[in-house]
Amino acid sequence: MTAISPERLTEIRKLRGLGRPKLAKLSGLSERQLARLEGALPMKDAPSADMLTKLSDTLRVRPEAFSGTEPLTDADFDFTHGVSCSCC
């Protein structure tokens, strides 16, 4: 499973023009889960593969983009997994 960098998740969310409440609604995750993933609250457990998939599909980015180990590229944002959203 790809690790999630809190800073990278926040960066991608903001690039998509979404606040936490909107991303929570679109992804099906709670605002508390997103706050934990973004480092605003302590993590209890590692993020699940399901969480990563929901975020990837909702934000329309490759799951690897969340790792924060490489700079974001246009290819990261071309990812579509058969999902369309109203956020972008």
PDB file of N, CA and C in Angstrom:
ATOM      1  N   MET A   1       0.838  -1.175   0.000  1.00  0.00           N
ATOM      2  CA  MET A   1       0.000   0.000   0.000  1.00  0.00           C
ATOM      3  C   MET A   1       0.886   1.241   0.000  1.00  0.00           C
ATOM      4  N   THR A   2       0.468   2.270  -0.702  1.00  0.00           N
ATOM      5  CA  THR A   2       1.178   3.533  -0.762  1.00  0.00           C
ATOM      6  C   THR A   2       0.981   4.305   0.536  1.00  0.00           C
ATOM      7  N   ALA A   3       2.064   4.816   1.079  1.00  0.00           N
ATOM      8  CA  ALA A   3       1.965   5.650   2.275  1.00  0.00           C
ATOM      9  C   ALA A   3       1.387   7.007   1.889  1.00  0.00           C
ATOM     10  N   ILE A   4       0.720   7.635   2.833  1.00  0.00           N
ATOM     11  CA  ILE A   4       0.142   8.952   2.582  1.00  0.00           C
ATOM     12  C   ILE A   4       0.945   9.991   3.349  1.00  0.00           C
ATOM     13  N   SER A   5       1.491  10.954   2.622  1.00  0.00           N
ATOM     14  CA  SER A   5       2.161  12.087   3.239  1.00  0.00           C
ATOM     15  C   SER A   5       1.080  13.104   3.605  1.00  0.00           C
ATOM     16  N   PRO A   6       0.986  13.498   4.877  1.00  0.00           N
ATOM     17  CA  PRO A   6      -0.033  14.476   5.259  1.00  0.00           C
ATOM     18  C   PRO A   6       0.058  15.777   4.459  1.00  0.00           C
ATOM     19  N   GLU A   7       1.281  16.236   4.236  1.00  0.00           N
ATOM     20  CA  GLU A   7       1.471  17.475   3.486  1.00  0.00           C
ATOM     21  C   GLU A   7       1.008  17.324   2.038  1.00  0.00           C
ATOM     22  N   ARG A   8       1.308  16.167   1.444  1.00  0.00           N
ATOM     23  CA  ARG A   8       0.925  15.952   0.046  1.00  0.00           C
ATOM     24  C   ARG A   8      -0.587  15.854  -0.102  1.00  0.00           C
ATOM     25  N   LEU A   9      -1.245  15.153   0.811  1.00  0.00           N
ATOM     26  CA  LEU A   9      -2.704  15.062   0.747  1.00  0.00           C
ATOM     27  C   LEU A   9      -3.322  16.451   0.847  1.00  0.00           C
ATOM     28  N   THR A  10      -2.836  17.262   1.768  1.00  0.00           N
ATOM     29  CA  THR A  10      -3.346  18.626   1.918  1.00  0.00           C
ATOM     30  C   THR A  10      -3.108  19.424   0.644  1.00  0.00           C
ATOM     31  N   GLU A  11      -1.924  19.297   0.074  1.00  0.00           N
ATOM     32  CA  GLU A  11      -1.583  20.010  -1.159  1.00  0.00           C
ATOM     33  C   GLU A  11      -2.537  19.628  -2.291  1.00  0.00           C
ATOM     34  N   ILE A  12      -2.766  18.346  -2.479  1.00  0.00           N
ATOM     35  CA  ILE A  12      -3.645  17.886  -3.559  1.00  0.00           C
ATOM     36  C   ILE A  12      -5.077  18.355  -3.316  1.00  0.00           C
ATOM     37  N   ARG A  13      -5.537  18.255  -2.085  1.00  0.00           N
ATOM     38  CA  ARG A  13      -6.900  18.706  -1.758  1.00  0.00           C
ATOM     39  C   ARG A  13      -7.062  20.185  -2.095  1.00  0.00           C
ATOM     40  N   LYS A  14      -6.082  20.995  -1.721  1.00  0.00           N
ATOM     41  CA  LYS A  14      -6.158  22.433  -1.990  1.00  0.00           C
ATOM     42  C   LYS A  14      -6.037  22.735  -3.479  1.00  0.00           C
ATOM     43  N   LEU A  15      -5.194  21.978  -4.189  1.00  0.00           N
ATOM     44  CA  LEU A  15      -5.094  22.161  -5.641  1.00  0.00           C
ATOM     45  C   LEU A  15      -6.425  21.872  -6.328  1.00  0.00           C
ATOM     46  N   ARG A  16      -7.184  20.967  -5.772  1.00  0.00           N
ATOM     47  CA  ARG A  16      -8.515  20.645  -6.303  1.00  0.00           C
ATOM     48  C   ARG A  16      -9.577  21.638  -5.823  1.00  0.00           C
ATOM     49  N   GLY A  17      -9.179  22.575  -4.982  1.00  0.00           N
ATOM     50  CA  GLY A  17     -10.103  23.597  -4.509  1.00  0.00           C
ATOM     51  C   GLY A  17     -11.125  23.094  -3.505  1.00  0.00           C
ATOM     52  N   LEU A  18     -10.741  22.100  -2.733  1.00  0.00           N
ATOM     53  CA  LEU A  18     -11.672  21.494  -1.784  1.00  0.00           C
ATOM     54  C   LEU A  18     -11.257  21.751  -0.344  1.00  0.00           C
ATOM     55  N   GLY A  19     -12.234  22.015   0.492  1.00  0.00           N
ATOM     56  CA  GLY A  19     -12.020  22.029   1.932  1.00  0.00           C
ATOM     57  C   GLY A  19     -12.224  20.619   2.452  1.00  0.00           C
ATOM     58  N   ARG A  20     -11.844  20.407   3.686  1.00  0.00           N
ATOM     59  CA  ARG A  20     -12.040  19.079   4.276  1.00  0.00           C
ATOM     60  C   ARG A  20     -13.498  18.644   4.281  1.00  0.00           C
ATOM     61  N   PRO A  21     -14.448  19.533   4.636  1.00  0.00           N
ATOM     62  CA  PRO A  21     -15.850  19.086   4.656  1.00  0.00           C
ATOM     63  C   PRO A  21     -16.336  18.587   3.292  1.00  0.00           C
ATOM     64  N   LYS A  22     -15.952  19.284   2.226  1.00  0.00           N
ATOM     65  CA  LYS A  22     -16.385  18.887   0.881  1.00  0.00           C
ATOM     66  C   LYS A  22     -15.728  17.574   0.473  1.00  0.00           C
ATOM     67  N   LEU A  23     -14.431  17.435   0.740  1.00  0.00           N
ATOM     68  CA  LEU A  23     -13.748  16.184   0.400  1.00  0.00           C
ATOM     69  C   LEU A  23     -14.338  15.025   1.193  1.00  0.00           C
ATOM     70  N   ALA A  24     -14.664  15.269   2.444  1.00  0.00           N
ATOM     71  CA  ALA A  24     -15.284  14.214   3.258  1.00  0.00           C
ATOM     72  C   ALA A  24     -16.598  13.766   2.628  1.00  0.00           C
ATOM     73  N   LYS A  25     -17.402  14.712   2.231  1.00  0.00           N
ATOM     74  CA  LYS A  25     -18.703  14.382   1.630  1.00  0.00           C
ATOM     75  C   LYS A  25     -18.528  13.611   0.325  1.00  0.00           C
ATOM     76  N   LEU A  26     -17.621  14.065  -0.522  1.00  0.00           N
ATOM     77  CA  LEU A  26     -17.423  13.420  -1.823  1.00  0.00           C
ATOM     78  C   LEU A  26     -16.782  12.035  -1.712  1.00  0.00           C
ATOM     79  N   SER A  27     -15.888  11.868  -0.752  1.00  0.00           N
ATOM     80  CA  SER A  27     -15.136  10.610  -0.645  1.00  0.00           C
ATOM     81  C   SER A  27     -15.807   9.564   0.237  1.00  0.00           C
ATOM     82  N   GLY A  28     -16.719  10.008   1.086  1.00  0.00           N
ATOM     83  CA  GLY A  28     -17.333   9.073   2.023  1.00  0.00           C
ATOM     84  C   GLY A  28     -16.514   8.856   3.287  1.00  0.00           C
ATOM     85  N   LEU A  29     -15.423   9.598   3.429  1.00  0.00           N
ATOM     86  CA  LEU A  29     -14.632   9.554   4.657  1.00  0.00           C
ATOM     87  C   LEU A  29     -15.142  10.638   5.599  1.00  0.00           C
ATOM     88  N   SER A  30     -14.875  10.498   6.868  1.00  0.00           N
ATOM     89  CA  SER A  30     -15.297  11.523   7.821  1.00  0.00           C
ATOM     90  C   SER A  30     -14.265  12.656   7.854  1.00  0.00           C
ATOM     91  N   GLU A  31     -14.700  13.820   8.309  1.00  0.00           N
ATOM     92  CA  GLU A  31     -13.766  14.936   8.459  1.00  0.00           C
ATOM     93  C   GLU A  31     -12.666  14.578   9.455  1.00  0.00           C
ATOM     94  N   ARG A  32     -13.000  13.817  10.476  1.00  0.00           N
ATOM     95  CA  ARG A  32     -12.013  13.390  11.470  1.00  0.00           C
ATOM     96  C   ARG A  32     -10.960  12.489  10.814  1.00  0.00           C
ATOM     97  N   GLN A  33     -11.395  11.573   9.950  1.00  0.00           N
ATOM     98  CA  GLN A  33     -10.430  10.714   9.250  1.00  0.00           C
ATOM     99  C   GLN A  33      -9.495  11.560   8.391  1.00  0.00           C
ATOM    100  N   LEU A  34     -10.061  12.536   7.679  1.00  0.00           N
ATOM    101  CA  LEU A  34      -9.231  13.399   6.839  1.00  0.00           C
ATOM    102  C   LEU A  34      -8.266  14.226   7.680  1.00  0.00           C
ATOM    103  N   ALA A  35      -8.739  14.735   8.810  1.00  0.00           N
ATOM    104  CA  ALA A  35      -7.863  15.508   9.694  1.00  0.00           C
ATOM    105  C   ALA A  35      -6.696  14.645  10.168  1.00  0.00           C
ATOM    106  N   ARG A  36      -6.965  13.395  10.459  1.00  0.00           N
ATOM    107  CA  ARG A  36      -5.883  12.480  10.871  1.00  0.00           C
ATOM    108  C   ARG A  36      -4.909  12.245   9.713  1.00  0.00           C
ATOM    109  N   LEU A  37      -5.453  12.008   8.531  1.00  0.00           N
ATOM    110  CA  LEU A  37      -4.601  11.752   7.371  1.00  0.00           C
ATOM    111  C   LEU A  37      -3.748  12.967   7.022  1.00  0.00           C
ATOM    112  N   GLU A  38      -4.276  14.173   7.288  1.00  0.00           N
ATOM    113  CA  GLU A  38      -3.538  15.400   6.993  1.00  0.00           C
ATOM    114  C   GLU A  38      -2.647  15.831   8.155  1.00  0.00           C
ATOM    115  N   GLY A  39      -2.605  15.044   9.206  1.00  0.00           N
ATOM    116  CA  GLY A  39      -1.711  15.323  10.313  1.00  0.00           C
ATOM    117  C   GLY A  39      -2.234  16.299  11.349  1.00  0.00           C
ATOM    118  N   ALA A  40      -3.489  16.729  11.229  1.00  0.00           N
ATOM    119  CA  ALA A  40      -4.059  17.665  12.193  1.00  0.00           C
ATOM    120  C   ALA A  40      -4.445  16.964  13.495  1.00  0.00           C
ATOM    121  N   LEU A  41      -4.679  15.677  13.430  1.00  0.00           N
ATOM    122  CA  LEU A  41      -4.993  14.854  14.602  1.00  0.00           C
ATOM    123  C   LEU A  41      -4.091  13.627  14.570  1.00  0.00           C
ATOM    124  N   PRO A  42      -3.793  13.056  15.724  1.00  0.00           N
ATOM    125  CA  PRO A  42      -2.951  11.854  15.737  1.00  0.00           C
ATOM    126  C   PRO A  42      -3.631  10.677  15.038  1.00  0.00           C
ATOM    127  N   MET A  43      -2.835   9.917  14.299  1.00  0.00           N
ATOM    128  CA  MET A  43      -3.340   8.715  13.632  1.00  0.00           C
ATOM    129  C   MET A  43      -3.431   7.589  14.646  1.00  0.00           C
ATOM    130  N   LYS A  44      -4.542   6.862  14.609  1.00  0.00           N
ATOM    131  CA  LYS A  44      -4.691   5.688  15.468  1.00  0.00           C
ATOM    132  C   LYS A  44      -4.136   4.455  14.767  1.00  0.00           C
ATOM    133  N   ASP A  45      -4.445   4.319  13.487  1.00  0.00           N
ATOM    134  CA  ASP A  45      -4.001   3.183  12.682  1.00  0.00           C
ATOM    135  C   ASP A  45      -3.519   3.698  11.336  1.00  0.00           C
ATOM    136  N   ALA A  46      -2.774   2.872  10.636  1.00  0.00           N
ATOM    137  CA  ALA A  46      -2.355   3.218   9.279  1.00  0.00           C
ATOM    138  C   ALA A  46      -3.586   3.301   8.385  1.00  0.00           C
ATOM    139  N   PRO A  47      -3.563   4.186   7.386  1.00  0.00           N
ATOM    140  CA  PRO A  47      -4.702   4.281   6.473  1.00  0.00           C
ATOM    141  C   PRO A  47      -4.925   2.964   5.739  1.00  0.00           C
ATOM    142  N   SER A  48      -6.171   2.622   5.552  1.00  0.00           N
ATOM    143  CA  SER A  48      -6.503   1.380   4.856  1.00  0.00           C
ATOM    144  C   SER A  48      -6.412   1.571   3.344  1.00  0.00           C
ATOM    145  N   ALA A  49      -6.336   0.472   2.642  1.00  0.00           N
ATOM    146  CA  ALA A  49      -6.341   0.511   1.179  1.00  0.00           C
ATOM    147  C   ALA A  49      -7.642   1.125   0.678  1.00  0.00           C
ATOM    148  N   ASP A  50      -8.741   0.869   1.377  1.00  0.00           N
ATOM    149  CA  ASP A  50     -10.034   1.438   0.999  1.00  0.00           C
ATOM    150  C   ASP A  50     -10.014   2.962   1.095  1.00  0.00           C
ATOM    151  N   MET A  51      -9.414   3.498   2.152  1.00  0.00           N
ATOM    152  CA  MET A  51      -9.308   4.955   2.299  1.00  0.00           C
ATOM    153  C   MET A  51      -8.502   5.548   1.151  1.00  0.00           C
ATOM    154  N   LEU A  52      -7.387   4.915   0.849  1.00  0.00           N
ATOM    155  CA  LEU A  52      -6.525   5.390  -0.225  1.00  0.00           C
ATOM    156  C   LEU A  52      -7.266   5.378  -1.557  1.00  0.00           C
ATOM    157  N   THR A  53      -8.013   4.328  -1.821  1.00  0.00           N
ATOM    158  CA  THR A  53      -8.784   4.230  -3.061  1.00  0.00           C
ATOM    159  C   THR A  53      -9.846   5.312  -3.128  1.00  0.00           C
ATOM    160  N   LYS A  54     -10.560   5.531  -2.042  1.00  0.00           N
ATOM    161  CA  LYS A  54     -11.597   6.571  -2.019  1.00  0.00           C
ATOM    162  C   LYS A  54     -11.000   7.946  -2.297  1.00  0.00           C
ATOM    163  N   LEU A  55      -9.872   8.250  -1.664  1.00  0.00           N
ATOM    164  CA  LEU A  55      -9.230   9.543  -1.888  1.00  0.00           C
ATOM    165  C   LEU A  55      -8.706   9.666  -3.312  1.00  0.00           C
ATOM    166  N   SER A  56      -8.073   8.624  -3.793  1.00  0.00           N
ATOM    167  CA  SER A  56      -7.528   8.625  -5.145  1.00  0.00           C
ATOM    168  C   SER A  56      -8.632   8.826  -6.181  1.00  0.00           C
ATOM    169  N   ASP A  57      -9.722   8.086  -6.031  1.00  0.00           N
ATOM    170  CA  ASP A  57     -10.839   8.205  -6.966  1.00  0.00           C
ATOM    171  C   ASP A  57     -11.488   9.582  -6.888  1.00  0.00           C
ATOM    172  N   THR A  58     -11.697  10.078  -5.690  1.00  0.00           N
ATOM    173  CA  THR A  58     -12.368  11.363  -5.515  1.00  0.00           C
ATOM    174  C   THR A  58     -11.518  12.516  -6.026  1.00  0.00           C
ATOM    175  N   LEU A  59     -10.229  12.490  -5.712  1.00  0.00           N
ATOM    176  CA  LEU A  59      -9.338  13.573  -6.128  1.00  0.00           C
ATOM    177  C   LEU A  59      -8.782  13.370  -7.534  1.00  0.00           C
ATOM    178  N   ARG A  60      -9.059  12.202  -8.101  1.00  0.00           N
ATOM    179  CA  ARG A  60      -8.627  11.854  -9.454  1.00  0.00           C
ATOM    180  C   ARG A  60      -7.119  11.987  -9.620  1.00  0.00           C
ATOM    181  N   VAL A  61      -6.418  11.324  -8.708  1.00  0.00           N
ATOM    182  CA  VAL A  61      -4.958  11.264  -8.785  1.00  0.00           C
ATOM    183  C   VAL A  61      -4.508   9.823  -8.623  1.00  0.00           C
ATOM    184  N   ARG A  62      -3.331   9.536  -9.133  1.00  0.00           N
ATOM    185  CA  ARG A  62      -2.759   8.211  -8.931  1.00  0.00           C
ATOM    186  C   ARG A  62      -2.503   8.020  -7.441  1.00  0.00           C
ATOM    187  N   PRO A  63      -2.726   6.836  -6.907  1.00  0.00           N
ATOM    188  CA  PRO A  63      -2.467   6.606  -5.484  1.00  0.00           C
ATOM    189  C   PRO A  63      -1.031   6.953  -5.078  1.00  0.00           C
ATOM    190  N   GLU A  64      -0.091   6.745  -5.972  1.00  0.00           N
ATOM    191  CA  GLU A  64       1.316   7.031  -5.679  1.00  0.00           C
ATOM    192  C   GLU A  64       1.564   8.518  -5.433  1.00  0.00           C
ATOM    193  N   ALA A  65       0.675   9.374  -5.920  1.00  0.00           N
ATOM    194  CA  ALA A  65       0.847  10.820  -5.738  1.00  0.00           C
ATOM    195  C   ALA A  65       0.806  11.218  -4.269  1.00  0.00           C
ATOM    196  N   PHE A  66       0.149  10.417  -3.438  1.00  0.00           N
ATOM    197  CA  PHE A  66       0.022  10.744  -2.021  1.00  0.00           C
ATOM    198  C   PHE A  66       1.303  10.521  -1.226  1.00  0.00           C
ATOM    199  N   SER A  67       2.261   9.804  -1.791  1.00  0.00           N
ATOM    200  CA  SER A  67       3.476   9.468  -1.038  1.00  0.00           C
ATOM    201  C   SER A  67       4.333  10.690  -0.744  1.00  0.00           C
ATOM    202  N   GLY A  68       4.313  11.661  -1.637  1.00  0.00           N
ATOM    203  CA  GLY A  68       5.107  12.865  -1.421  1.00  0.00           C
ATOM    204  C   GLY A  68       6.580  12.689  -1.685  1.00  0.00           C
ATOM    205  N   THR A  69       6.978  11.554  -2.241  1.00  0.00           N
ATOM    206  CA  THR A  69       8.397  11.312  -2.484  1.00  0.00           C
ATOM    207  C   THR A  69       8.878  11.927  -3.792  1.00  0.00           C
ATOM    208  N   GLU A  70       7.977  12.179  -4.704  1.00  0.00           N
ATOM    209  CA  GLU A  70       8.318  12.768  -5.998  1.00  0.00           C
ATOM    210  C   GLU A  70       7.470  14.022  -6.207  1.00  0.00           C
ATOM    211  N   PRO A  71       7.961  14.989  -6.987  1.00  0.00           N
ATOM    212  CA  PRO A  71       7.136  16.160  -7.290  1.00  0.00           C
ATOM    213  C   PRO A  71       5.875  15.745  -8.052  1.00  0.00           C
ATOM    214  N   LEU A  72       4.803  16.484  -7.844  1.00  0.00           N
ATOM    215  CA  LEU A  72       3.573  16.219  -8.594  1.00  0.00           C
ATOM    216  C   LEU A  72       3.779  16.576 -10.056  1.00  0.00           C
ATOM    217  N   THR A  73       3.213  15.773 -10.940  1.00  0.00           N
ATOM    218  CA  THR A  73       3.275  16.044 -12.373  1.00  0.00           C
ATOM    219  C   THR A  73       1.867  15.992 -12.942  1.00  0.00           C
ATOM    220  N   ASP A  74       1.723  16.429 -14.179  1.00  0.00           N
ATOM    221  CA  ASP A  74       0.421  16.348 -14.843  1.00  0.00           C
ATOM    222  C   ASP A  74      -0.079  14.913 -14.892  1.00  0.00           C
ATOM    223  N   ALA A  75       0.835  13.961 -15.016  1.00  0.00           N
ATOM    224  CA  ALA A  75       0.438  12.550 -15.086  1.00  0.00           C
ATOM    225  C   ALA A  75      -0.264  12.103 -13.809  1.00  0.00           C
ATOM    226  N   ASP A  76       0.104  12.679 -12.672  1.00  0.00           N
ATOM    227  CA  ASP A  76      -0.565  12.329 -11.417  1.00  0.00           C
ATOM    228  C   ASP A  76      -2.036  12.708 -11.456  1.00  0.00           C
ATOM    229  N   PHE A  77      -2.350  13.791 -12.147  1.00  0.00           N
ATOM    230  CA  PHE A  77      -3.712  14.299 -12.173  1.00  0.00           C
ATOM    231  C   PHE A  77      -4.535  13.778 -13.338  1.00  0.00           C
ATOM    232  N   ASP A  78      -3.938  13.004 -14.212  1.00  0.00           N
ATOM    233  CA  ASP A  78      -4.679  12.427 -15.330  1.00  0.00           C
ATOM    234  C   ASP A  78      -5.357  11.129 -14.939  1.00  0.00           C
ATOM    235  N   PHE A  79      -5.116  10.661 -13.740  1.00  0.00           N
ATOM    236  CA  PHE A  79      -5.642   9.379 -13.278  1.00  0.00           C
ATOM    237  C   PHE A  79      -7.157   9.422 -13.184  1.00  0.00           C
ATOM    238  N   THR A  80      -7.793   8.488 -13.836  1.00  0.00           N
ATOM    239  CA  THR A  80      -9.234   8.297 -13.649  1.00  0.00           C
ATOM    240  C   THR A  80      -9.458   6.810 -13.477  1.00  0.00           C
ATOM    241  N   HIS A  81     -10.251   6.478 -12.535  1.00  0.00           N
ATOM    242  CA  HIS A  81     -10.515   5.077 -12.204  1.00  0.00           C
ATOM    243  C   HIS A  81     -11.976   4.781 -12.475  1.00  0.00           C
ATOM    244  N   GLY A  82     -12.503   5.362 -13.555  1.00  0.00           N
ATOM    245  CA  GLY A  82     -13.905   5.149 -13.876  1.00  0.00           C
ATOM    246  C   GLY A  82     -14.838   5.958 -13.008  1.00  0.00           C
ATOM    247  N   VAL A  83     -14.294   6.986 -12.358  1.00  0.00           N
ATOM    248  CA  VAL A  83     -15.105   7.794 -11.454  1.00  0.00           C
ATOM    249  C   VAL A  83     -15.151   9.213 -11.972  1.00  0.00           C
ATOM    250  N   SER A  84     -16.311   9.798 -11.947  1.00  0.00           N
ATOM    251  CA  SER A  84     -16.416  11.214 -12.256  1.00  0.00           C
ATOM    252  C   SER A  84     -16.900  11.918 -11.005  1.00  0.00           C
ATOM    253  N   CYS A  85     -16.448  13.142 -10.834  1.00  0.00           N
ATOM    254  CA  CYS A  85     -16.869  13.880  -9.650  1.00  0.00           C
ATOM    255  C   CYS A  85     -17.217  15.301 -10.039  1.00  0.00           C
ATOM    256  N   SER A  86     -17.875  15.990  -9.159  1.00  0.00           N
ATOM    257  CA  SER A  86     -18.260  17.362  -9.423  1.00  0.00           C
ATOM    258  C   SER A  86     -17.258  18.348  -8.852  1.00  0.00           C
ATOM    259  N   CYS A  87     -16.159  17.844  -8.281  1.00  0.00           N
ATOM    260  CA  CYS A  87     -15.209  18.745  -7.631  1.00  0.00           C
ATOM    261  C   CYS A  87     -14.215  19.351  -8.605  1.00  0.00           C
ATOM    262  N   CYS A  88     -13.943  18.710  -9.740  1.00  0.00           N
ATOM    263  CA  CYS A  88     -12.894  19.210 -10.614  1.00  0.00           C
ATOM    264  C   CYS A  88     -13.251  19.050 -12.075  1.00  0.00           C
TER     265      CYS A  88
END
